[in-house]
Amino acid sequence: MTKARWFRLSVVLVPILMILLIIVYWDNVGTANFYLHTSFSRPHSSGAVPGIGEGEDWEALRDVDEFLAKLLSSSVKQNSSISKKTEQLLVQGSSKPVASNLEENVRGYDWSTHDARASLDQEKLQVERQRTLREFCANSSFTFPTKERSFDDIPNYELNHLIVDDRHGIIYCYVPKVACTNWKRVMIVLSESLLDQGVPYRDPLDIPREHVHNTSTHLTFNKFWRRYGKFSRHLMKIKLKKYTKFLFVRDPFVRLISAFRSKFELENEEFYRRFAIPMLKLYSNHTNLPTSVSEAFGAGLKVSFSDFIQYLLDPRTEKMAPFNEHWRQVYRLCHPCQIDYDFIGKLETLDEDAAHLLQLLKVDRLLRFPPSYRNRTASSWEDDWFAKIPLAWRRQLYKLYEADFVLFGYPKPENLLKD
């Protein structure tokens, strides 16, 4: 009887231990030295890690929490040791600016130092921003869609904006139109997830834009299912607890103006076909529209800001498909009431926030954050842009984005919401 019991026990324990070893391998070795290391942004098939069978008891996972947490915590230290030589090269490579491409020349650099007083102010600022967020997340009288969900209630496809760097223990939730291109570049440099002629990129601005936004370049939470199987959500929670999590936000109305300018005032074939054509038909009564954006622009057929606002307010829009990420609310992209962010940056204070964050992450010796475009959409433009938008629409739009205003401490734009 004793032998039979031991045999049955080993049949259960051995596969679980093997799964744990595979997971530890991927976190210690796979992510740091294998995952996506290619000169182009091509996905590697890592294979799904076998999950636990349907009939097995998932309560056993709770018994290995502490064991997994220790292993994953130590993996960050080990990965730092593995990449020590590379980091030394990065320090040498980022000691001074090199004008290597047009984008650098346009953007320029800010190599100014930040004194202790500024750091102290940053700490107070972070405390205030996090306090505001947590208070409104806990305030039962302030409600908005998805607020009451738990992390387990969030489907995997809604976790595609959480980028993970296992080398340094960092999780970044990117928000389009909030300096996300450069923050993605920073994450690529830190995680070494992309090579240039066999060598990891050292300078964020050297990374071509087409690779920055290629989804195969980044390890995101929604990819965990393919890698870890049924352990994926369990590991997400451990990394959320152990890693430093950050996001950057922006005044919601200004972000909408920036999205409109970027996607509809410039020739963009994808956005013309997916969004501009339906908007022009629905809200401007155009028919027989050109099939290409260049033809449309040549004929003077462009989406107006009024068309865009109507599209956002139209209840049919969300029924057809969720908002595009460029105008989707931050609370839907980054789930701030379900994820306890360690750092909340703002585009309005980007340079100071970025410098302070890189210091907190202890990677400021490895790279500098490049400033955003100098012609950044300004808050002062709101009055002009919304001047021709009916008051009722402005009020509806505020309700649509109210949670982003409140959670991240942006003042209610009273001047736009009153007669």
Protein backbone atom coordinates (compact mmCIF):
# COMPACT_ATOMS: atom_id res chain seq x y z
CA MET A 1 0.00 0.00 0.00
CA THR A 2 2.81 2.39 0.95
CA LYS A 3 4.57 1.93 -2.40
CA ALA A 4 1.33 2.47 -4.26
CA ARG A 5 0.71 5.74 -2.39
CA TRP A 6 4.22 6.97 -3.08
CA PHE A 7 3.79 6.08 -6.73
CA ARG A 8 0.50 8.01 -7.02
CA LEU A 9 2.03 10.97 -5.18
CA SER A 10 5.04 11.04 -7.48
CA VAL A 11 2.77 10.92 -10.54
CA VAL A 12 1.17 14.18 -9.31
CA LEU A 13 4.28 15.94 -7.96
CA VAL A 14 6.82 15.24 -10.71
CA PRO A 15 4.85 16.99 -13.53
CA ILE A 16 4.22 19.99 -11.26
CA LEU A 17 7.92 20.26 -10.40
CA MET A 18 8.83 19.96 -14.08
CA ILE A 19 6.41 22.79 -14.91
CA LEU A 20 7.95 24.95 -12.19
CA LEU A 21 11.44 24.26 -13.50
CA ILE A 22 10.35 25.22 -17.02
CA ILE A 23 8.80 28.43 -15.72
CA VAL A 24 11.93 29.30 -13.76
CA TYR A 25 14.05 28.57 -16.84
CA TRP A 26 12.00 30.95 -18.96
CA ASP A 27 12.15 33.70 -16.37
CA ASN A 28 15.87 33.32 -15.66
CA VAL A 29 17.27 32.31 -19.04
CA GLY A 30 14.61 32.33 -21.72
CA THR A 31 13.48 35.92 -21.33
CA ALA A 32 16.94 37.34 -20.75
CA ASN A 33 18.89 35.48 -23.42
CA PHE A 34 16.51 33.92 -25.92
CA TYR A 35 13.12 35.53 -26.23
CA LEU A 36 12.82 37.64 -29.38
CA HIS A 37 16.57 38.09 -29.83
CA THR A 38 16.61 38.67 -33.54
CA SER A 39 17.83 41.45 -35.80
CA PHE A 40 14.25 41.97 -36.89
CA SER A 41 11.00 42.05 -34.96
CA ARG A 42 9.90 38.51 -35.59
CA PRO A 43 7.99 36.40 -33.09
CA HIS A 44 9.62 33.24 -31.81
CA SER A 45 7.40 30.31 -30.99
CA SER A 46 8.28 29.48 -27.44
CA GLY A 47 5.67 26.79 -27.16
CA ALA A 48 2.95 26.63 -24.53
CA VAL A 49 3.98 25.39 -21.15
CA PRO A 50 1.81 22.42 -20.21
CA GLY A 51 -1.01 23.39 -17.89
CA ILE A 52 -2.67 21.49 -15.11
CA GLY A 53 -5.32 19.04 -16.20
CA GLU A 54 -8.97 19.95 -15.91
CA GLY A 55 -9.59 17.48 -13.10
CA GLU A 56 -6.66 18.45 -10.91
CA ASP A 57 -6.98 20.58 -7.83
CA TRP A 58 -6.01 24.21 -8.39
CA GLU A 59 -5.82 24.77 -4.65
CA ALA A 60 -2.31 23.30 -4.88
CA LEU A 61 -1.17 26.51 -6.58
CA ARG A 62 -1.56 28.42 -3.36
CA ASP A 63 0.94 26.11 -1.67
CA VAL A 64 3.68 27.07 -4.12
CA ASP A 65 3.10 30.84 -4.01
CA GLU A 66 5.97 31.54 -1.68
CA PHE A 67 8.30 29.19 -3.53
CA LEU A 68 7.54 30.81 -6.90
CA ALA A 69 7.76 34.31 -5.48
CA LYS A 70 11.26 33.66 -4.13
CA LEU A 71 12.42 32.18 -7.41
CA LEU A 72 11.01 35.02 -9.48
CA SER A 73 12.38 37.61 -7.09
CA SER A 74 15.84 36.10 -7.36
CA SER A 75 15.57 35.94 -11.14
CA VAL A 76 15.78 39.73 -11.40
CA LYS A 77 19.07 39.71 -9.48
CA GLN A 78 20.41 36.84 -11.59
CA ASN A 79 19.44 38.54 -14.82
CA SER A 80 21.21 41.70 -13.66
CA SER A 81 24.34 39.62 -13.09
CA ILE A 82 24.03 37.95 -16.49
CA SER A 83 23.80 41.29 -18.30
CA LYS A 84 26.48 43.14 -16.31
CA LYS A 85 28.91 43.34 -19.22
CA THR A 86 26.18 44.56 -21.55
CA GLU A 87 25.16 47.25 -19.07
CA GLN A 88 28.75 48.48 -18.88
CA LEU A 89 28.68 48.86 -22.66
CA LEU A 90 25.37 50.70 -22.43
CA VAL A 91 26.86 53.20 -19.99
CA GLN A 92 29.71 53.88 -22.38
CA GLY A 93 27.34 54.16 -25.33
CA SER A 94 25.01 56.67 -23.67
CA SER A 95 27.55 59.08 -22.20
CA LYS A 96 26.86 61.74 -24.80
CA PRO A 97 24.32 62.43 -27.56
CA VAL A 98 25.08 61.32 -31.09
CA ALA A 99 22.98 62.84 -33.87
CA SER A 100 22.45 59.61 -35.79
CA ASN A 101 19.16 60.25 -37.53
CA LEU A 102 16.65 62.92 -38.49
CA GLU A 103 14.35 62.17 -35.58
CA GLU A 104 17.11 62.95 -33.09
CA ASN A 105 17.79 66.26 -34.82
CA VAL A 106 14.12 67.19 -34.70
CA ARG A 107 13.58 66.19 -31.09
CA GLY A 108 16.87 67.28 -29.57
CA TYR A 109 18.10 66.30 -26.13
CA ASP A 110 17.82 67.59 -22.60
CA TRP A 111 20.98 66.62 -20.76
CA SER A 112 20.38 68.86 -17.78
CA THR A 113 20.94 67.46 -14.31
CA HIS A 114 18.30 67.29 -11.61
CA ASP A 115 19.18 68.40 -8.11
CA ALA A 116 18.11 66.91 -4.77
CA ARG A 117 15.36 69.52 -4.32
CA ALA A 118 13.76 68.39 -7.57
CA SER A 119 13.93 64.74 -6.46
CA LEU A 120 12.28 65.62 -3.18
CA ASP A 121 9.49 67.45 -5.00
CA GLN A 122 9.07 64.45 -7.29
CA GLU A 123 8.62 62.16 -4.31
CA LYS A 124 5.88 64.40 -2.90
CA LEU A 125 4.26 64.58 -6.33
CA GLN A 126 4.17 60.81 -6.61
CA VAL A 127 2.65 60.45 -3.17
CA GLU A 128 -0.11 62.90 -4.11
CA ARG A 129 -0.83 61.28 -7.49
CA GLN A 130 -1.04 57.81 -5.98
CA ARG A 131 -3.18 59.03 -3.10
CA THR A 132 -5.66 60.63 -5.52
CA LEU A 133 -5.87 57.47 -7.59
CA ARG A 134 -6.35 55.15 -4.62
CA GLU A 135 -8.92 57.38 -2.94
CA PHE A 136 -11.17 57.50 -5.99
CA CYS A 137 -10.72 53.80 -6.69
CA ALA A 138 -11.91 53.15 -3.12
CA ASN A 139 -14.71 55.75 -3.27
CA SER A 140 -17.97 53.82 -3.73
CA SER A 141 -19.84 56.97 -4.77
CA PHE A 142 -17.57 57.45 -7.81
CA THR A 143 -18.38 54.82 -10.41
CA PHE A 144 -17.41 54.05 -13.96
CA PRO A 145 -17.49 50.90 -16.16
CA THR A 146 -15.17 48.03 -15.09
CA LYS A 147 -14.28 49.74 -11.80
CA GLU A 148 -15.55 46.90 -9.63
CA ARG A 149 -13.79 44.17 -11.57
CA SER A 150 -11.03 42.15 -9.95
CA PHE A 151 -7.78 41.51 -11.78
CA ASP A 152 -8.96 37.96 -12.54
CA ASP A 153 -12.01 39.41 -14.29
CA ILE A 154 -9.88 41.23 -16.87
CA PRO A 155 -9.67 39.15 -20.07
CA ASN A 156 -6.21 38.46 -21.48
CA TYR A 157 -6.78 40.58 -24.60
CA GLU A 158 -7.22 43.64 -22.37
CA LEU A 159 -3.75 43.11 -20.89
CA ASN A 160 -1.91 43.73 -24.15
CA HIS A 161 -0.65 47.16 -23.04
CA LEU A 162 1.37 45.81 -20.09
CA ILE A 163 4.97 45.38 -21.27
CA VAL A 164 7.28 43.30 -19.07
CA ASP A 165 11.06 43.62 -18.64
CA ASP A 166 12.21 40.60 -16.62
CA ARG A 167 15.83 41.74 -16.69
CA HIS A 168 15.18 44.70 -14.39
CA GLY A 169 11.81 43.79 -12.91
CA ILE A 170 9.75 46.49 -14.66
CA ILE A 171 6.20 46.58 -16.00
CA TYR A 172 5.12 49.49 -18.20
CA CYS A 173 1.55 50.13 -19.31
CA TYR A 174 1.72 52.18 -22.47
CA VAL A 175 -0.89 54.77 -23.40
CA PRO A 176 -0.86 55.93 -27.04
CA LYS A 177 -0.29 59.66 -27.53
CA VAL A 178 1.55 59.88 -24.19
CA ALA A 179 5.21 59.51 -25.27
CA CYS A 180 4.67 55.77 -25.63
CA THR A 181 6.95 55.46 -28.66
CA ASN A 182 9.98 56.57 -26.67
CA TRP A 183 9.00 54.59 -23.56
CA LYS A 184 8.67 51.48 -25.72
CA ARG A 185 12.15 52.23 -27.05
CA VAL A 186 13.43 52.43 -23.47
CA MET A 187 11.84 49.07 -22.67
CA ILE A 188 13.48 47.51 -25.75
CA VAL A 189 16.91 48.77 -24.68
CA LEU A 190 16.46 47.55 -21.10
CA SER A 191 15.06 44.12 -21.99
CA GLU A 192 17.42 43.67 -24.96
CA SER A 193 14.47 42.27 -26.92
CA LEU A 194 15.78 43.52 -30.27
CA LEU A 195 19.20 43.30 -31.90
CA ASP A 196 20.98 45.49 -34.40
CA GLN A 197 23.50 43.38 -36.34
CA GLY A 198 23.72 40.94 -33.46
CA VAL A 199 24.11 43.57 -30.72
CA PRO A 200 21.31 44.89 -28.45
CA TYR A 201 20.32 48.49 -29.09
CA ARG A 202 22.00 50.94 -26.68
CA ASP A 203 20.35 54.22 -27.66
CA PRO A 204 16.53 54.34 -27.69
CA LEU A 205 16.45 56.73 -30.66
CA ASP A 206 18.43 54.30 -32.81
CA ILE A 207 15.49 51.89 -32.84
CA PRO A 208 13.42 52.28 -36.05
CA ARG A 209 9.83 53.33 -35.44
CA GLU A 210 8.44 50.36 -37.39
CA HIS A 211 10.08 47.96 -34.92
CA VAL A 212 9.00 49.96 -31.87
CA HIS A 213 5.30 49.39 -32.56
CA ASN A 214 5.66 45.83 -33.83
CA THR A 215 3.77 43.75 -31.26
CA SER A 216 6.23 40.86 -31.57
CA THR A 217 9.00 43.09 -30.18
CA HIS A 218 7.53 43.22 -26.66
CA LEU A 219 6.64 40.67 -24.02
CA THR A 220 3.17 41.67 -22.85
CA PHE A 221 0.84 40.14 -20.29
CA ASN A 222 -1.58 38.88 -22.93
CA LYS A 223 1.24 36.66 -24.30
CA PHE A 224 1.62 34.86 -20.96
CA TRP A 225 -1.10 32.36 -21.81
CA ARG A 226 0.88 30.98 -24.75
CA ARG A 227 4.02 30.76 -22.66
CA TYR A 228 2.79 29.59 -19.27
CA GLY A 229 -0.60 28.03 -19.95
CA LYS A 230 -2.85 27.91 -16.89
CA PHE A 231 -0.07 29.27 -14.70
CA SER A 232 -0.18 32.57 -16.61
CA ARG A 233 -2.56 34.51 -14.39
CA HIS A 234 -0.81 33.20 -11.30
CA LEU A 235 2.56 34.45 -12.56
CA MET A 236 1.11 37.81 -13.59
CA LYS A 237 0.04 38.40 -10.00
CA ILE A 238 3.47 37.51 -8.65
CA LYS A 239 5.20 39.85 -11.10
CA LEU A 240 2.72 42.61 -10.36
CA LYS A 241 3.63 42.23 -6.70
CA LYS A 242 7.41 42.05 -7.19
CA TYR A 243 8.08 44.32 -10.16
CA THR A 244 8.01 48.13 -10.40
CA LYS A 245 4.93 49.20 -12.37
CA PHE A 246 4.53 52.55 -14.10
CA LEU A 247 2.42 54.42 -16.63
CA PHE A 248 2.26 57.90 -18.14
CA VAL A 249 -0.99 59.84 -18.63
CA ARG A 250 -2.15 63.10 -20.19
CA ASP A 251 -5.05 65.54 -20.04
CA PRO A 252 -7.82 63.44 -21.67
CA PHE A 253 -9.17 66.15 -23.98
CA VAL A 254 -5.69 67.17 -25.11
CA ARG A 255 -4.91 63.52 -25.80
CA LEU A 256 -8.00 63.36 -28.05
CA ILE A 257 -6.84 66.44 -29.97
CA SER A 258 -3.41 64.87 -30.40
CA ALA A 259 -4.93 61.60 -31.63
CA PHE A 260 -7.09 63.45 -34.14
CA ARG A 261 -4.17 65.48 -35.47
CA SER A 262 -1.97 62.41 -35.77
CA LYS A 263 -4.45 60.04 -37.40
CA PHE A 264 -6.75 62.27 -39.46
CA GLU A 265 -4.85 65.45 -40.34
CA LEU A 266 -1.90 63.48 -41.70
CA GLU A 267 -2.20 60.94 -44.49
CA ASN A 268 -2.67 57.57 -42.80
CA GLU A 269 -3.95 54.82 -45.06
CA GLU A 270 -5.01 52.44 -42.30
CA PHE A 271 -6.96 55.01 -40.30
CA TYR A 272 -8.52 56.45 -43.44
CA ARG A 273 -9.97 53.10 -44.47
CA ARG A 274 -10.94 51.87 -41.00
CA PHE A 275 -12.27 55.08 -39.48
CA ALA A 276 -12.32 58.11 -41.81
CA ILE A 277 -14.47 56.55 -44.53
CA PRO A 278 -17.24 55.48 -42.08
CA MET A 279 -17.10 58.90 -40.34
CA LEU A 280 -17.37 60.82 -43.61
CA LYS A 281 -20.33 58.68 -44.68
CA LEU A 282 -22.18 58.81 -41.34
CA TYR A 283 -21.58 62.39 -40.23
CA SER A 284 -20.76 64.34 -43.42
CA ASN A 285 -23.14 62.52 -45.80
CA HIS A 286 -20.41 61.75 -48.33
CA THR A 287 -20.84 58.91 -50.81
CA ASN A 288 -18.54 57.27 -53.36
CA LEU A 289 -15.46 58.18 -51.37
CA PRO A 290 -11.96 57.58 -52.79
CA THR A 291 -10.36 54.30 -51.75
CA SER A 292 -7.00 55.88 -50.88
CA VAL A 293 -6.16 58.62 -48.41
CA SER A 294 -4.01 60.52 -50.90
CA GLU A 295 -6.95 60.80 -53.34
CA ALA A 296 -9.26 61.88 -50.52
CA PHE A 297 -6.87 64.57 -49.29
CA GLY A 298 -6.34 65.73 -52.87
CA ALA A 299 -10.11 66.18 -53.20
CA GLY A 300 -10.30 68.04 -49.89
CA LEU A 301 -12.16 65.20 -48.15
CA LYS A 302 -10.98 65.09 -44.56
CA VAL A 303 -12.61 64.11 -41.31
CA SER A 304 -13.42 67.17 -39.22
CA PHE A 305 -12.90 67.35 -35.47
CA SER A 306 -16.68 67.56 -35.17
CA ASP A 307 -17.01 64.27 -37.11
CA PHE A 308 -14.51 62.70 -34.75
CA ILE A 309 -16.40 63.82 -31.62
CA GLN A 310 -19.68 62.54 -33.08
CA TYR A 311 -18.02 59.21 -33.72
CA LEU A 312 -16.85 58.97 -30.10
CA LEU A 313 -20.30 59.82 -28.76
CA ASP A 314 -22.23 57.59 -31.15
CA PRO A 315 -23.48 54.53 -29.18
CA ARG A 316 -23.10 52.43 -32.34
CA THR A 317 -19.32 52.89 -32.22
CA GLU A 318 -18.69 50.74 -29.15
CA LYS A 319 -21.27 48.19 -30.28
CA MET A 320 -19.26 47.58 -33.42
CA ALA A 321 -15.86 47.35 -31.67
CA PRO A 322 -14.03 48.75 -28.62
CA PHE A 323 -12.46 52.18 -29.00
CA ASN A 324 -9.16 52.21 -30.84
CA GLU A 325 -6.24 52.39 -28.42
CA HIS A 326 -5.41 55.95 -29.48
CA TRP A 327 -8.65 57.27 -27.99
CA ARG A 328 -9.56 54.48 -25.57
CA GLN A 329 -9.75 55.67 -21.98
CA VAL A 330 -6.66 55.08 -19.82
CA TYR A 331 -8.69 53.22 -17.20
CA ARG A 332 -9.57 50.67 -19.90
CA LEU A 333 -5.99 50.37 -21.15
CA CYS A 334 -4.13 50.13 -17.84
CA HIS A 335 -6.74 49.11 -15.20
CA PRO A 336 -5.48 51.49 -12.48
CA CYS A 337 -8.03 50.31 -9.88
CA GLN A 338 -6.96 46.68 -10.33
CA ILE A 339 -3.19 47.28 -10.62
CA ASP A 340 -1.31 49.14 -7.89
CA TYR A 341 1.07 51.33 -9.91
CA ASP A 342 4.30 52.41 -8.23
CA PHE A 343 4.82 55.45 -10.45
CA ILE A 344 2.39 57.72 -12.28
CA GLY A 345 4.00 60.04 -14.79
CA LYS A 346 2.36 62.83 -16.74
CA LEU A 347 3.16 64.17 -20.19
CA GLU A 348 2.82 67.70 -18.83
CA THR A 349 5.90 67.06 -16.64
CA LEU A 350 7.50 64.45 -18.87
CA ASP A 351 11.16 65.46 -18.66
CA GLU A 352 11.21 65.72 -14.86
CA ASP A 353 9.10 62.60 -14.35
CA ALA A 354 11.16 60.53 -16.78
CA ALA A 355 14.46 61.50 -15.15
CA HIS A 356 13.11 60.70 -11.69
CA LEU A 357 11.65 57.36 -12.81
CA LEU A 358 14.89 56.20 -14.43
CA GLN A 359 16.66 57.00 -11.15
CA LEU A 360 14.10 54.99 -9.17
CA LEU A 361 14.52 52.07 -11.57
CA LYS A 362 18.30 52.38 -11.16
CA VAL A 363 18.83 52.47 -14.90
CA ASP A 364 19.68 56.17 -15.28
CA ARG A 365 23.34 55.24 -15.86
CA LEU A 366 22.32 53.06 -18.80
CA LEU A 367 20.33 55.53 -20.87
CA ARG A 368 18.63 58.91 -21.01
CA PHE A 369 15.00 59.41 -21.95
CA PRO A 370 14.75 61.41 -25.18
CA PRO A 371 12.36 64.39 -25.07
CA SER A 372 9.13 64.35 -27.05
CA TYR A 373 8.51 66.41 -30.16
CA ARG A 374 8.81 70.12 -29.51
CA ASN A 375 5.46 70.83 -31.24
CA ARG A 376 3.59 68.86 -28.58
CA THR A 377 -0.17 69.52 -28.55
CA ALA A 378 -0.77 72.11 -25.83
CA SER A 379 -3.56 72.35 -23.25
CA SER A 380 -4.10 75.97 -24.26
CA TRP A 381 -5.43 74.75 -27.60
CA GLU A 382 -8.57 73.22 -26.06
CA ASP A 383 -10.71 76.37 -26.33
CA ASP A 384 -10.01 76.74 -30.05
CA TRP A 385 -10.52 73.08 -30.88
CA PHE A 386 -13.80 72.78 -28.99
CA ALA A 387 -15.16 76.20 -30.02
CA LYS A 388 -17.39 74.73 -32.75
CA ILE A 389 -18.41 71.65 -30.74
CA PRO A 390 -21.93 72.02 -29.28
CA LEU A 391 -22.08 72.38 -25.50
CA ALA A 392 -24.20 69.23 -25.13
CA TRP A 393 -21.56 67.20 -26.97
CA ARG A 394 -18.77 68.59 -24.79
CA ARG A 395 -20.66 67.57 -21.66
CA GLN A 396 -21.28 64.08 -23.03
CA LEU A 397 -17.62 63.79 -23.96
CA TYR A 398 -16.55 64.78 -20.46
CA LYS A 399 -18.77 62.06 -18.97
CA LEU A 400 -17.18 59.58 -21.37
CA TYR A 401 -13.67 60.47 -20.14
CA GLU A 402 -14.53 61.62 -16.63
CA ALA A 403 -12.82 58.68 -14.93
CA ASP A 404 -9.49 59.59 -16.56
CA PHE A 405 -9.84 63.21 -15.44
CA VAL A 406 -10.67 62.27 -11.85
CA LEU A 407 -8.38 59.28 -11.27
CA PHE A 408 -5.30 61.10 -12.49
CA GLY A 409 -6.00 64.48 -10.93
CA TYR A 410 -6.82 66.55 -14.01
CA PRO A 411 -9.15 69.49 -13.30
CA LYS A 412 -12.60 69.46 -14.81
CA PRO A 413 -12.54 71.79 -17.87
CA GLU A 414 -15.27 74.07 -16.56
CA ASN A 415 -14.71 76.67 -19.29
CA LEU A 416 -15.74 74.07 -21.89
CA LEU A 417 -18.73 72.77 -19.97
CA LYS A 418 -20.55 76.02 -19.18
CA ASP A 419 -22.65 78.29 -21.39
